[in-house]
Protein backbone atom coordinates (compact mmCIF):
# COMPACT_ATOMS: atom_id res chain seq x y z
CA ALA A 1 4.20 -33.37 26.83
CA THR A 2 2.93 -32.79 23.29
CA PRO A 3 3.23 -29.24 21.88
CA ASP A 4 -0.56 -28.73 21.86
CA SER A 5 -1.19 -30.10 25.35
CA PHE A 6 -2.54 -27.79 28.04
CA ALA A 7 0.71 -28.25 30.01
CA SER A 8 2.85 -27.24 26.99
CA GLN A 9 0.63 -24.23 26.32
CA LEU A 10 0.90 -23.19 29.96
CA ALA A 11 4.71 -23.54 29.83
CA ARG A 12 4.84 -21.26 26.74
CA MET A 13 2.56 -18.77 28.48
CA LEU A 14 4.74 -18.72 31.60
CA LYS A 15 7.85 -18.07 29.45
CA ALA A 16 6.12 -15.25 27.58
CA ARG A 17 4.99 -13.73 30.89
CA ALA A 18 8.63 -13.80 32.11
CA ASP A 19 9.85 -12.23 28.83
CA LEU A 20 7.32 -9.40 29.26
CA ARG A 21 8.47 -8.95 32.89
CA LEU A 22 4.90 -9.56 33.97
CA TYR A 23 6.18 -10.23 37.50
CA ALA A 24 6.85 -6.45 37.71
CA ALA A 25 3.57 -5.47 36.03
CA ARG A 26 0.56 -4.07 37.82
CA LEU A 27 -2.73 -5.95 37.69
CA THR A 28 -5.23 -3.36 36.50
CA ASP A 29 -8.39 -5.34 35.84
CA ILE A 30 -10.14 -8.69 35.85
CA PRO A 31 -12.82 -8.11 33.22
CA ALA A 32 -16.26 -9.56 33.78
CA VAL A 33 -17.01 -12.43 31.39
CA HIS A 34 -20.05 -14.65 30.88
CA SER A 35 -18.37 -18.01 30.44
CA LYS A 36 -17.66 -19.77 33.72
CA SER A 37 -14.55 -21.43 32.24
CA LEU A 38 -12.96 -18.18 30.97
CA PHE A 39 -10.49 -16.24 33.11
CA VAL A 40 -9.09 -12.89 31.91
CA LEU A 41 -6.43 -10.70 33.55
CA VAL A 42 -5.20 -7.27 32.39
CA HIS A 43 -1.75 -6.00 33.41
CA GLU A 44 0.01 -2.68 32.84
CA LEU A 45 3.54 -3.59 31.76
CA PRO A 46 6.49 -1.96 33.53
CA GLU A 47 8.34 0.89 31.83
CA ARG A 48 5.98 0.85 28.85
CA SER A 49 2.61 2.25 27.94
CA GLU A 50 1.45 -1.25 27.06
CA LEU A 51 -1.05 -3.72 28.44
CA GLU A 52 -0.85 -7.49 28.62
CA VAL A 53 -4.05 -9.53 28.51
CA THR A 54 -4.01 -13.14 29.70
CA ALA A 55 -7.02 -15.24 28.70
CA ILE A 56 -7.38 -18.86 29.78
CA ASN A 57 -10.21 -21.25 28.99
CA PHE A 58 -10.24 -23.86 31.75
CA GLY A 59 -13.22 -25.66 30.22
CA PRO A 60 -13.73 -28.58 27.81
CA SER A 61 -15.66 -26.45 25.27
CA PRO A 62 -14.47 -23.61 23.00
CA VAL A 63 -15.25 -20.06 24.16
CA GLU A 64 -15.99 -16.97 22.05
CA GLU A 65 -16.53 -13.82 24.05
CA THR A 66 -15.87 -10.10 23.95
CA ALA A 67 -14.10 -8.63 26.97
CA LEU A 68 -13.83 -4.93 27.79
CA ILE A 69 -10.15 -4.09 28.32
CA ARG A 70 -10.05 -0.94 30.45
CA GLY A 71 -7.10 1.26 29.56
CA ALA A 72 -6.66 -0.20 26.07
CA THR A 73 -5.95 2.33 23.33
CA PRO A 74 -9.16 2.57 21.25
CA ASN A 75 -8.93 1.16 17.72
CA SER A 76 -5.49 -0.35 18.40
CA THR A 77 -4.46 -3.98 17.95
CA ALA A 78 -3.63 -6.85 20.27
CA SER A 79 -0.68 -9.02 19.22
CA ASP A 80 -0.43 -12.65 20.29
CA VAL A 81 2.75 -13.01 22.37
CA LEU A 82 2.59 -16.82 22.24
CA ASP A 83 2.23 -16.93 18.46
CA PRO A 84 3.87 -13.88 16.85
CA GLU A 85 2.82 -15.13 13.38
CA ALA A 86 -0.89 -14.98 14.30
CA PRO A 87 -2.83 -12.00 12.92
CA ALA A 88 -3.29 -9.16 15.41
CA LEU A 89 -6.77 -8.75 16.86
CA PRO A 90 -8.58 -5.42 16.60
CA VAL A 91 -9.36 -3.50 19.79
CA GLY A 92 -12.69 -1.69 19.48
CA ALA A 93 -13.32 2.01 19.99
CA ASP A 94 -14.68 1.10 23.44
CA GLY A 95 -11.65 -1.05 24.34
CA SER A 96 -13.41 -4.32 23.53
CA LEU A 97 -11.39 -7.39 22.52
CA ARG A 98 -12.99 -10.43 20.91
CA LEU A 99 -11.51 -13.58 22.44
CA SER A 100 -11.71 -17.00 20.80
CA LEU A 101 -10.21 -19.89 22.73
CA GLN A 102 -10.36 -23.62 22.17
CA ALA A 103 -10.98 -26.04 25.03
CA PHE A 104 -8.25 -25.84 27.67
CA GLU A 105 -6.40 -23.10 25.77
CA GLY A 106 -4.53 -20.08 27.05
CA LYS A 107 -3.54 -16.94 25.14
CA ALA A 108 -1.58 -13.81 26.00
CA PHE A 109 -1.85 -10.53 24.09
CA ARG A 110 0.12 -7.29 24.10
CA ILE A 111 -1.76 -4.05 23.43
CA LYS A 112 0.54 -1.13 22.68
CA GLY A 113 -0.32 2.32 23.97
CA SER A 114 -0.86 5.42 21.90
């Protein structure tokens, strides 16, 4: 598979989820979103005061949407665990996170606690 294919992206996401020990995390929320192709999960990571946010666009069109991440530290940042070189995203005072995903793209973010 090519590095940018959906299958390759999913493989990277599954590795990152294993590295974060997501299998031992607790699912805390499935935020409501408007786009029918967007799926968002929020997990509390084990032994840390951190959250992991998985966002997957299963559709053929790009998606830009803000999701409310309950439990996120206000005014913190979300780092991309699949692309550590990517700039961190700001988390709003209300726990909002602006998500921008291309067609058939998945992203995973880590939000550190206070």
